[in-house]
Amino acid sequence: MPGNDLVQSLVKAADILQLVSRSEKGMRLQDISEELEIKTSTTHNLVRTLCARNMMCKSSDGRFGVGDAIFEMADRHRERRLLRKAA
């Protein structure tokens, strides 16, 4: 798949989700921004949007982690796959 045909904001959001999912304790906004070399303001806007869609969440200590929507999507996918195998 050619890289220049991709929606860059979606690529960055996916990169954020993948990065945060690998973190045991969650990550601070600044750490996400530095690790992915994305401007802090862009990172903030993407993370804020992901949080609004429940794909990320913010802990009381200000760290961001994977939100419930990600787990719910994965569960639905697994259930459908199991049902197809059973059929």
PDB file of N, CA and C in Angstrom:
ATOM      1  N   MET A   1       0.848  -1.183   0.000  1.00  0.00           N
ATOM      2  CA  MET A   1       0.000   0.000   0.000  1.00  0.00           C
ATOM      3  C   MET A   1       0.889   1.240   0.000  1.00  0.00           C
ATOM      4  N   PRO A   2       0.749   2.085  -0.966  1.00  0.00           N
ATOM      5  CA  PRO A   2       1.587   3.276  -1.045  1.00  0.00           C
ATOM      6  C   PRO A   2       1.382   4.201   0.148  1.00  0.00           C
ATOM      7  N   GLY A   3       2.480   4.664   0.730  1.00  0.00           N
ATOM      8  CA  GLY A   3       2.418   5.522   1.912  1.00  0.00           C
ATOM      9  C   GLY A   3       1.815   6.887   1.669  1.00  0.00           C
ATOM     10  N   ASN A   4       1.954   7.430   0.465  1.00  0.00           N
ATOM     11  CA  ASN A   4       1.453   8.777   0.219  1.00  0.00           C
ATOM     12  C   ASN A   4      -0.054   8.807  -0.023  1.00  0.00           C
ATOM     13  N   ASP A   5      -0.711   7.639  -0.069  1.00  0.00           N
ATOM     14  CA  ASP A   5      -2.157   7.572  -0.225  1.00  0.00           C
ATOM     15  C   ASP A   5      -2.865   7.511   1.123  1.00  0.00           C
ATOM     16  N   LEU A   6      -2.107   7.528   2.211  1.00  0.00           N
ATOM     17  CA  LEU A   6      -2.681   7.366   3.544  1.00  0.00           C
ATOM     18  C   LEU A   6      -3.074   8.712   4.142  1.00  0.00           C
ATOM     19  N   VAL A   7      -4.057   8.692   5.013  1.00  0.00           N
ATOM     20  CA  VAL A   7      -4.497   9.886   5.739  1.00  0.00           C
ATOM     21  C   VAL A   7      -3.548  10.053   6.922  1.00  0.00           C
ATOM     22  N   GLN A   8      -2.723  11.097   6.878  1.00  0.00           N
ATOM     23  CA  GLN A   8      -1.653  11.259   7.858  1.00  0.00           C
ATOM     24  C   GLN A   8      -2.159  11.369   9.294  1.00  0.00           C
ATOM     25  N   SER A   9      -3.271  12.059   9.516  1.00  0.00           N
ATOM     26  CA  SER A   9      -3.772  12.175  10.890  1.00  0.00           C
ATOM     27  C   SER A   9      -4.195  10.815  11.440  1.00  0.00           C
ATOM     28  N   LEU A  10      -4.749   9.975  10.576  1.00  0.00           N
ATOM     29  CA  LEU A  10      -5.150   8.642  11.006  1.00  0.00           C
ATOM     30  C   LEU A  10      -3.927   7.765  11.267  1.00  0.00           C
ATOM     31  N   VAL A  11      -2.911   7.903  10.447  1.00  0.00           N
ATOM     32  CA  VAL A  11      -1.658   7.172  10.661  1.00  0.00           C
ATOM     33  C   VAL A  11      -1.061   7.563  12.006  1.00  0.00           C
ATOM     34  N   LYS A  12      -1.032   8.859  12.304  1.00  0.00           N
ATOM     35  CA  LYS A  12      -0.485   9.332  13.582  1.00  0.00           C
ATOM     36  C   LYS A  12      -1.307   8.825  14.752  1.00  0.00           C
ATOM     37  N   ALA A  13      -2.627   8.839  14.623  1.00  0.00           N
ATOM     38  CA  ALA A  13      -3.487   8.345  15.701  1.00  0.00           C
ATOM     39  C   ALA A  13      -3.242   6.854  15.933  1.00  0.00           C
ATOM     40  N   ALA A  14      -3.095   6.083  14.859  1.00  0.00           N
ATOM     41  CA  ALA A  14      -2.810   4.653  14.984  1.00  0.00           C
ATOM     42  C   ALA A  14      -1.449   4.443  15.645  1.00  0.00           C
ATOM     43  N   ASP A  15      -0.471   5.254  15.273  1.00  0.00           N
ATOM     44  CA  ASP A  15       0.859   5.163  15.891  1.00  0.00           C
ATOM     45  C   ASP A  15       0.782   5.447  17.387  1.00  0.00           C
ATOM     46  N   ILE A  16      -0.022   6.432  17.766  1.00  0.00           N
ATOM     47  CA  ILE A  16      -0.202   6.766  19.184  1.00  0.00           C
ATOM     48  C   ILE A  16      -0.813   5.583  19.922  1.00  0.00           C
ATOM     49  N   LEU A  17      -1.865   5.004  19.362  1.00  0.00           N
ATOM     50  CA  LEU A  17      -2.515   3.870  20.013  1.00  0.00           C
ATOM     51  C   LEU A  17      -1.555   2.690  20.161  1.00  0.00           C
ATOM     52  N   GLN A  18      -0.790   2.404  19.122  1.00  0.00           N
ATOM     53  CA  GLN A  18       0.167   1.297  19.196  1.00  0.00           C
ATOM     54  C   GLN A  18       1.233   1.567  20.254  1.00  0.00           C
ATOM     55  N   LEU A  19       1.739   2.782  20.289  1.00  0.00           N
ATOM     56  CA  LEU A  19       2.768   3.140  21.268  1.00  0.00           C
ATOM     57  C   LEU A  19       2.236   3.021  22.689  1.00  0.00           C
ATOM     58  N   VAL A  20       1.088   3.616  22.938  1.00  0.00           N
ATOM     59  CA  VAL A  20       0.519   3.622  24.282  1.00  0.00           C
ATOM     60  C   VAL A  20       0.146   2.208  24.723  1.00  0.00           C
ATOM     61  N   SER A  21      -0.276   1.391  23.786  1.00  0.00           N
ATOM     62  CA  SER A  21      -0.661   0.016  24.139  1.00  0.00           C
ATOM     63  C   SER A  21       0.530  -0.800  24.626  1.00  0.00           C
ATOM     64  N   ARG A  22       1.726  -0.411  24.243  1.00  0.00           N
ATOM     65  CA  ARG A  22       2.929  -1.127  24.679  1.00  0.00           C
ATOM     66  C   ARG A  22       3.417  -0.664  26.052  1.00  0.00           C
ATOM     67  N   SER A  23       2.856   0.425  26.552  1.00  0.00           N
ATOM     68  CA  SER A  23       3.303   0.992  27.822  1.00  0.00           C
ATOM     69  C   SER A  23       2.521   0.384  28.981  1.00  0.00           C
ATOM     70  N   GLU A  24       3.239  -0.117  29.947  1.00  0.00           N
ATOM     71  CA  GLU A  24       2.598  -0.757  31.095  1.00  0.00           C
ATOM     72  C   GLU A  24       1.873   0.246  31.990  1.00  0.00           C
ATOM     73  N   LYS A  25       2.451   1.431  32.162  1.00  0.00           N
ATOM     74  CA  LYS A  25       1.893   2.423  33.084  1.00  0.00           C
ATOM     75  C   LYS A  25       1.179   3.570  32.378  1.00  0.00           C
ATOM     76  N   GLY A  26       1.084   3.518  31.054  1.00  0.00           N
ATOM     77  CA  GLY A  26       0.554   4.646  30.309  1.00  0.00           C
ATOM     78  C   GLY A  26       1.670   5.646  30.030  1.00  0.00           C
ATOM     79  N   MET A  27       1.338   6.681  29.280  1.00  0.00           N
ATOM     80  CA  MET A  27       2.369   7.642  28.880  1.00  0.00           C
ATOM     81  C   MET A  27       1.861   9.070  29.016  1.00  0.00           C
ATOM     82  N   ARG A  28       2.779   9.951  29.347  1.00  0.00           N
ATOM     83  CA  ARG A  28       2.465  11.377  29.375  1.00  0.00           C
ATOM     84  C   ARG A  28       2.414  11.901  27.942  1.00  0.00           C
ATOM     85  N   LEU A  29       1.656  12.948  27.749  1.00  0.00           N
ATOM     86  CA  LEU A  29       1.503  13.559  26.437  1.00  0.00           C
ATOM     87  C   LEU A  29       2.853  13.921  25.828  1.00  0.00           C
ATOM     88  N   GLN A  30       3.709  14.526  26.630  1.00  0.00           N
ATOM     89  CA  GLN A  30       5.033  14.944  26.150  1.00  0.00           C
ATOM     90  C   GLN A  30       5.860  13.744  25.698  1.00  0.00           C
ATOM     91  N   ASP A  31       5.762  12.642  26.427  1.00  0.00           N
ATOM     92  CA  ASP A  31       6.512  11.433  26.062  1.00  0.00           C
ATOM     93  C   ASP A  31       6.023  10.862  24.733  1.00  0.00           C
ATOM     94  N   ILE A  32       4.704  10.865  24.547  1.00  0.00           N
ATOM     95  CA  ILE A  32       4.132  10.398  23.280  1.00  0.00           C
ATOM     96  C   ILE A  32       4.645  11.257  22.140  1.00  0.00           C
ATOM     97  N   SER A  33       4.578  12.556  22.336  1.00  0.00           N
ATOM     98  CA  SER A  33       5.000  13.510  21.317  1.00  0.00           C
ATOM     99  C   SER A  33       6.470  13.316  20.945  1.00  0.00           C
ATOM    100  N   GLU A  34       7.323  13.180  21.942  1.00  0.00           N
ATOM    101  CA  GLU A  34       8.754  13.017  21.696  1.00  0.00           C
ATOM    102  C   GLU A  34       9.065  11.680  21.022  1.00  0.00           C
ATOM    103  N   GLU A  35       8.443  10.628  21.506  1.00  0.00           N
ATOM    104  CA  GLU A  35       8.715   9.290  20.968  1.00  0.00           C
ATOM    105  C   GLU A  35       8.342   9.192  19.488  1.00  0.00           C
ATOM    106  N   LEU A  36       7.212   9.803  19.126  1.00  0.00           N
ATOM    107  CA  LEU A  36       6.735   9.704  17.748  1.00  0.00           C
ATOM    108  C   LEU A  36       7.157  10.889  16.876  1.00  0.00           C
ATOM    109  N   GLU A  37       7.859  11.828  17.487  1.00  0.00           N
ATOM    110  CA  GLU A  37       8.312  13.034  16.781  1.00  0.00           C
ATOM    111  C   GLU A  37       7.139  13.764  16.117  1.00  0.00           C
ATOM    112  N   ILE A  38       6.093  13.971  16.921  1.00  0.00           N
ATOM    113  CA  ILE A  38       4.912  14.715  16.492  1.00  0.00           C
ATOM    114  C   ILE A  38       4.836  15.966  17.354  1.00  0.00           C
ATOM    115  N   LYS A  39       4.463  17.083  16.777  1.00  0.00           N
ATOM    116  CA  LYS A  39       4.319  18.315  17.554  1.00  0.00           C
ATOM    117  C   LYS A  39       3.391  18.073  18.734  1.00  0.00           C
ATOM    118  N   THR A  40       3.707  18.701  19.861  1.00  0.00           N
ATOM    119  CA  THR A  40       2.892  18.535  21.062  1.00  0.00           C
ATOM    120  C   THR A  40       1.445  18.947  20.824  1.00  0.00           C
ATOM    121  N   SER A  41       1.229  20.023  20.091  1.00  0.00           N
ATOM    122  CA  SER A  41      -0.143  20.472  19.834  1.00  0.00           C
ATOM    123  C   SER A  41      -0.914  19.449  18.994  1.00  0.00           C
ATOM    124  N   THR A  42      -0.252  18.851  18.028  1.00  0.00           N
ATOM    125  CA  THR A  42      -0.880  17.813  17.209  1.00  0.00           C
ATOM    126  C   THR A  42      -1.178  16.587  18.055  1.00  0.00           C
ATOM    127  N   THR A  43      -0.212  16.191  18.871  1.00  0.00           N
ATOM    128  CA  THR A  43      -0.407  15.048  19.761  1.00  0.00           C
ATOM    129  C   THR A  43      -1.582  15.302  20.692  1.00  0.00           C
ATOM    130  N   HIS A  44      -1.632  16.499  21.244  1.00  0.00           N
ATOM    131  CA  HIS A  44      -2.730  16.858  22.158  1.00  0.00           C
ATOM    132  C   HIS A  44      -4.080  16.723  21.453  1.00  0.00           C
ATOM    133  N   ASN A  45      -4.183  17.253  20.255  1.00  0.00           N
ATOM    134  CA  ASN A  45      -5.450  17.194  19.517  1.00  0.00           C
ATOM    135  C   ASN A  45      -5.837  15.757  19.168  1.00  0.00           C
ATOM    136  N   LEU A  46      -4.891  14.963  18.759  1.00  0.00           N
ATOM    137  CA  LEU A  46      -5.183  13.569  18.431  1.00  0.00           C
ATOM    138  C   LEU A  46      -5.583  12.778  19.672  1.00  0.00           C
ATOM    139  N   VAL A  47      -4.839  12.961  20.752  1.00  0.00           N
ATOM    140  CA  VAL A  47      -5.147  12.250  21.999  1.00  0.00           C
ATOM    141  C   VAL A  47      -6.502  12.692  22.545  1.00  0.00           C
ATOM    142  N   ARG A  48      -6.786  13.978  22.494  1.00  0.00           N
ATOM    143  CA  ARG A  48      -8.079  14.502  22.956  1.00  0.00           C
ATOM    144  C   ARG A  48      -9.223  13.870  22.162  1.00  0.00           C
ATOM    145  N   THR A  49      -9.035  13.746  20.862  1.00  0.00           N
ATOM    146  CA  THR A  49     -10.052  13.129  20.008  1.00  0.00           C
ATOM    147  C   THR A  49     -10.204  11.645  20.326  1.00  0.00           C
ATOM    148  N   LEU A  50      -9.092  10.945  20.493  1.00  0.00           N
ATOM    149  CA  LEU A  50      -9.147   9.523  20.842  1.00  0.00           C
ATOM    150  C   LEU A  50      -9.815   9.311  22.205  1.00  0.00           C
ATOM    151  N   CYS A  51      -9.561  10.207  23.133  1.00  0.00           N
ATOM    152  CA  CYS A  51     -10.214  10.121  24.447  1.00  0.00           C
ATOM    153  C   CYS A  51     -11.721  10.369  24.317  1.00  0.00           C
ATOM    154  N   ALA A  52     -12.099  11.309  23.484  1.00  0.00           N
ATOM    155  CA  ALA A  52     -13.519  11.612  23.291  1.00  0.00           C
ATOM    156  C   ALA A  52     -14.263  10.421  22.710  1.00  0.00           C
ATOM    157  N   ARG A  53     -13.573   9.589  21.942  1.00  0.00           N
ATOM    158  CA  ARG A  53     -14.170   8.381  21.344  1.00  0.00           C
ATOM    159  C   ARG A  53     -13.922   7.151  22.216  1.00  0.00           C
ATOM    160  N   ASN A  54     -13.386   7.361  23.414  1.00  0.00           N
ATOM    161  CA  ASN A  54     -13.124   6.299  24.393  1.00  0.00           C
ATOM    162  C   ASN A  54     -12.098   5.287  23.896  1.00  0.00           C
ATOM    163  N   MET A  55     -11.251   5.701  22.959  1.00  0.00           N
ATOM    164  CA  MET A  55     -10.184   4.819  22.486  1.00  0.00           C
ATOM    165  C   MET A  55      -8.921   4.987  23.316  1.00  0.00           C
ATOM    166  N   MET A  56      -8.860   6.090  24.052  1.00  0.00           N
ATOM    167  CA  MET A  56      -7.800   6.317  25.022  1.00  0.00           C
ATOM    168  C   MET A  56      -8.447   6.875  26.274  1.00  0.00           C
ATOM    169  N   CYS A  57      -7.720   6.756  27.378  1.00  0.00           N
ATOM    170  CA  CYS A  57      -8.210   7.328  28.632  1.00  0.00           C
ATOM    171  C   CYS A  57      -7.026   7.954  29.365  1.00  0.00           C
ATOM    172  N   LYS A  58      -7.367   8.866  30.268  1.00  0.00           N
ATOM    173  CA  LYS A  58      -6.343   9.560  31.047  1.00  0.00           C
ATOM    174  C   LYS A  58      -6.492   9.165  32.503  1.00  0.00           C
ATOM    175  N   SER A  59      -5.393   8.754  33.109  1.00  0.00           N
ATOM    176  CA  SER A  59      -5.417   8.347  34.509  1.00  0.00           C
ATOM    177  C   SER A  59      -5.297   9.576  35.411  1.00  0.00           C
ATOM    178  N   SER A  60      -5.475   9.359  36.698  1.00  0.00           N
ATOM    179  CA  SER A  60      -5.421  10.466  37.660  1.00  0.00           C
ATOM    180  C   SER A  60      -4.032  11.098  37.733  1.00  0.00           C
ATOM    181  N   ASP A  61      -3.002  10.361  37.334  1.00  0.00           N
ATOM    182  CA  ASP A  61      -1.644  10.925  37.350  1.00  0.00           C
ATOM    183  C   ASP A  61      -1.253  11.556  36.006  1.00  0.00           C
ATOM    184  N   GLY A  62      -2.245  11.703  35.106  1.00  0.00           N
ATOM    185  CA  GLY A  62      -2.001  12.403  33.848  1.00  0.00           C
ATOM    186  C   GLY A  62      -1.410  11.558  32.737  1.00  0.00           C
ATOM    187  N   ARG A  63      -1.391  10.270  32.921  1.00  0.00           N
ATOM    188  CA  ARG A  63      -0.868   9.380  31.889  1.00  0.00           C
ATOM    189  C   ARG A  63      -2.023   8.842  31.054  1.00  0.00           C
ATOM    190  N   PHE A  64      -1.729   8.637  29.785  1.00  0.00           N
ATOM    191  CA  PHE A  64      -2.743   8.158  28.852  1.00  0.00           C
ATOM    192  C   PHE A  64      -2.530   6.680  28.570  1.00  0.00           C
ATOM    193  N   GLY A  65      -3.646   5.967  28.466  1.00  0.00           N
ATOM    194  CA  GLY A  65      -3.606   4.554  28.159  1.00  0.00           C
ATOM    195  C   GLY A  65      -4.706   4.214  27.166  1.00  0.00           C
ATOM    196  N   VAL A  66      -4.772   2.956  26.820  1.00  0.00           N
ATOM    197  CA  VAL A  66      -5.780   2.468  25.877  1.00  0.00           C
ATOM    198  C   VAL A  66      -7.136   2.499  26.568  1.00  0.00           C
ATOM    199  N   GLY A  67      -8.150   2.976  25.845  1.00  0.00           N
ATOM    200  CA  GLY A  67      -9.489   3.086  26.395  1.00  0.00           C
ATOM    201  C   GLY A  67     -10.342   1.862  26.141  1.00  0.00           C
ATOM    202  N   ASP A  68     -11.490   1.839  26.797  1.00  0.00           N
ATOM    203  CA  ASP A  68     -12.387   0.679  26.723  1.00  0.00           C
ATOM    204  C   ASP A  68     -12.877   0.387  25.312  1.00  0.00           C
ATOM    205  N   ALA A  69     -13.023   1.393  24.477  1.00  0.00           N
ATOM    206  CA  ALA A  69     -13.535   1.160  23.120  1.00  0.00           C
ATOM    207  C   ALA A  69     -12.632   0.211  22.340  1.00  0.00           C
ATOM    208  N   ILE A  70     -11.346   0.279  22.565  1.00  0.00           N
ATOM    209  CA  ILE A  70     -10.412  -0.616  21.877  1.00  0.00           C
ATOM    210  C   ILE A  70     -10.666  -2.063  22.297  1.00  0.00           C
ATOM    211  N   PHE A  71     -10.838  -2.282  23.595  1.00  0.00           N
ATOM    212  CA  PHE A  71     -11.092  -3.627  24.095  1.00  0.00           C
ATOM    213  C   PHE A  71     -12.445  -4.146  23.614  1.00  0.00           C
ATOM    214  N   GLU A  72     -13.436  -3.270  23.579  1.00  0.00           N
ATOM    215  CA  GLU A  72     -14.764  -3.669  23.104  1.00  0.00           C
ATOM    216  C   GLU A  72     -14.723  -4.071  21.631  1.00  0.00           C
ATOM    217  N   MET A  73     -13.988  -3.326  20.815  1.00  0.00           N
ATOM    218  CA  MET A  73     -13.863  -3.681  19.398  1.00  0.00           C
ATOM    219  C   MET A  73     -13.158  -5.023  19.241  1.00  0.00           C
ATOM    220  N   ALA A  74     -12.096  -5.226  20.004  1.00  0.00           N
ATOM    221  CA  ALA A  74     -11.360  -6.488  19.926  1.00  0.00           C
ATOM    222  C   ALA A  74     -12.238  -7.652  20.370  1.00  0.00           C
ATOM    223  N   ASP A  75     -13.014  -7.445  21.427  1.00  0.00           N
ATOM    224  CA  ASP A  75     -13.915  -8.504  21.900  1.00  0.00           C
ATOM    225  C   ASP A  75     -14.956  -8.858  20.845  1.00  0.00           C
ATOM    226  N   ARG A  76     -15.568  -7.847  20.227  1.00  0.00           N
ATOM    227  CA  ARG A  76     -16.565  -8.107  19.183  1.00  0.00           C
ATOM    228  C   ARG A  76     -15.947  -8.855  18.014  1.00  0.00           C
ATOM    229  N   HIS A  77     -14.748  -8.483  17.639  1.00  0.00           N
ATOM    230  CA  HIS A  77     -14.056  -9.145  16.537  1.00  0.00           C
ATOM    231  C   HIS A  77     -13.806 -10.616  16.878  1.00  0.00           C
ATOM    232  N   ARG A  78     -13.318 -10.876  18.101  1.00  0.00           N
ATOM    233  CA  ARG A  78     -13.061 -12.251  18.531  1.00  0.00           C
ATOM    234  C   ARG A  78     -14.341 -13.076  18.550  1.00  0.00           C
ATOM    235  N   GLU A  79     -15.415 -12.484  19.046  1.00  0.00           N
ATOM    236  CA  GLU A  79     -16.699 -13.193  19.102  1.00  0.00           C
ATOM    237  C   GLU A  79     -17.169 -13.575  17.701  1.00  0.00           C
ATOM    238  N   ARG A  80     -17.091 -12.633  16.760  1.00  0.00           N
ATOM    239  CA  ARG A  80     -17.513 -12.924  15.386  1.00  0.00           C
ATOM    240  C   ARG A  80     -16.650 -14.023  14.780  1.00  0.00           C
ATOM    241  N   ARG A  81     -15.368 -13.976  15.035  1.00  0.00           N
ATOM    242  CA  ARG A  81     -14.452 -14.987  14.500  1.00  0.00           C
ATOM    243  C   ARG A  81     -14.773 -16.364  15.072  1.00  0.00           C
ATOM    244  N   LEU A  82     -15.048 -16.414  16.371  1.00  0.00           N
ATOM    245  CA  LEU A  82     -15.405 -17.691  16.992  1.00  0.00           C
ATOM    246  C   LEU A  82     -16.728 -18.223  16.438  1.00  0.00           C
ATOM    247  N   LEU A  83     -17.692 -17.335  16.231  1.00  0.00           N
ATOM    248  CA  LEU A  83     -18.983 -17.757  15.670  1.00  0.00           C
ATOM    249  C   LEU A  83     -18.813 -18.299  14.256  1.00  0.00           C
ATOM    250  N   ARG A  84     -17.950 -17.661  13.463  1.00  0.00           N
ATOM    251  CA  ARG A  84     -17.695 -18.155  12.090  1.00  0.00           C
ATOM    252  C   ARG A  84     -17.046 -19.532  12.129  1.00  0.00           C
ATOM    253  N   LYS A  85     -16.116 -19.735  13.061  1.00  0.00           N
ATOM    254  CA  LYS A  85     -15.464 -21.036  13.161  1.00  0.00           C
ATOM    255  C   LYS A  85     -16.455 -22.106  13.597  1.00  0.00           C
ATOM    256  N   ALA A  86     -17.358 -21.740  14.486  1.00  0.00           N
ATOM    257  CA  ALA A  86     -18.338 -22.699  15.003  1.00  0.00           C
ATOM    258  C   ALA A  86     -19.386 -23.072  13.953  1.00  0.00           C
ATOM    259  N   ALA A  87     -19.616 -22.182  13.011  1.00  0.00           N
ATOM    260  CA  ALA A  87     -20.677 -22.416  12.014  1.00  0.00           C
ATOM    261  C   ALA A  87     -20.296 -23.418  10.956  1.00  0.00           C
TER     262      ALA A  87
END
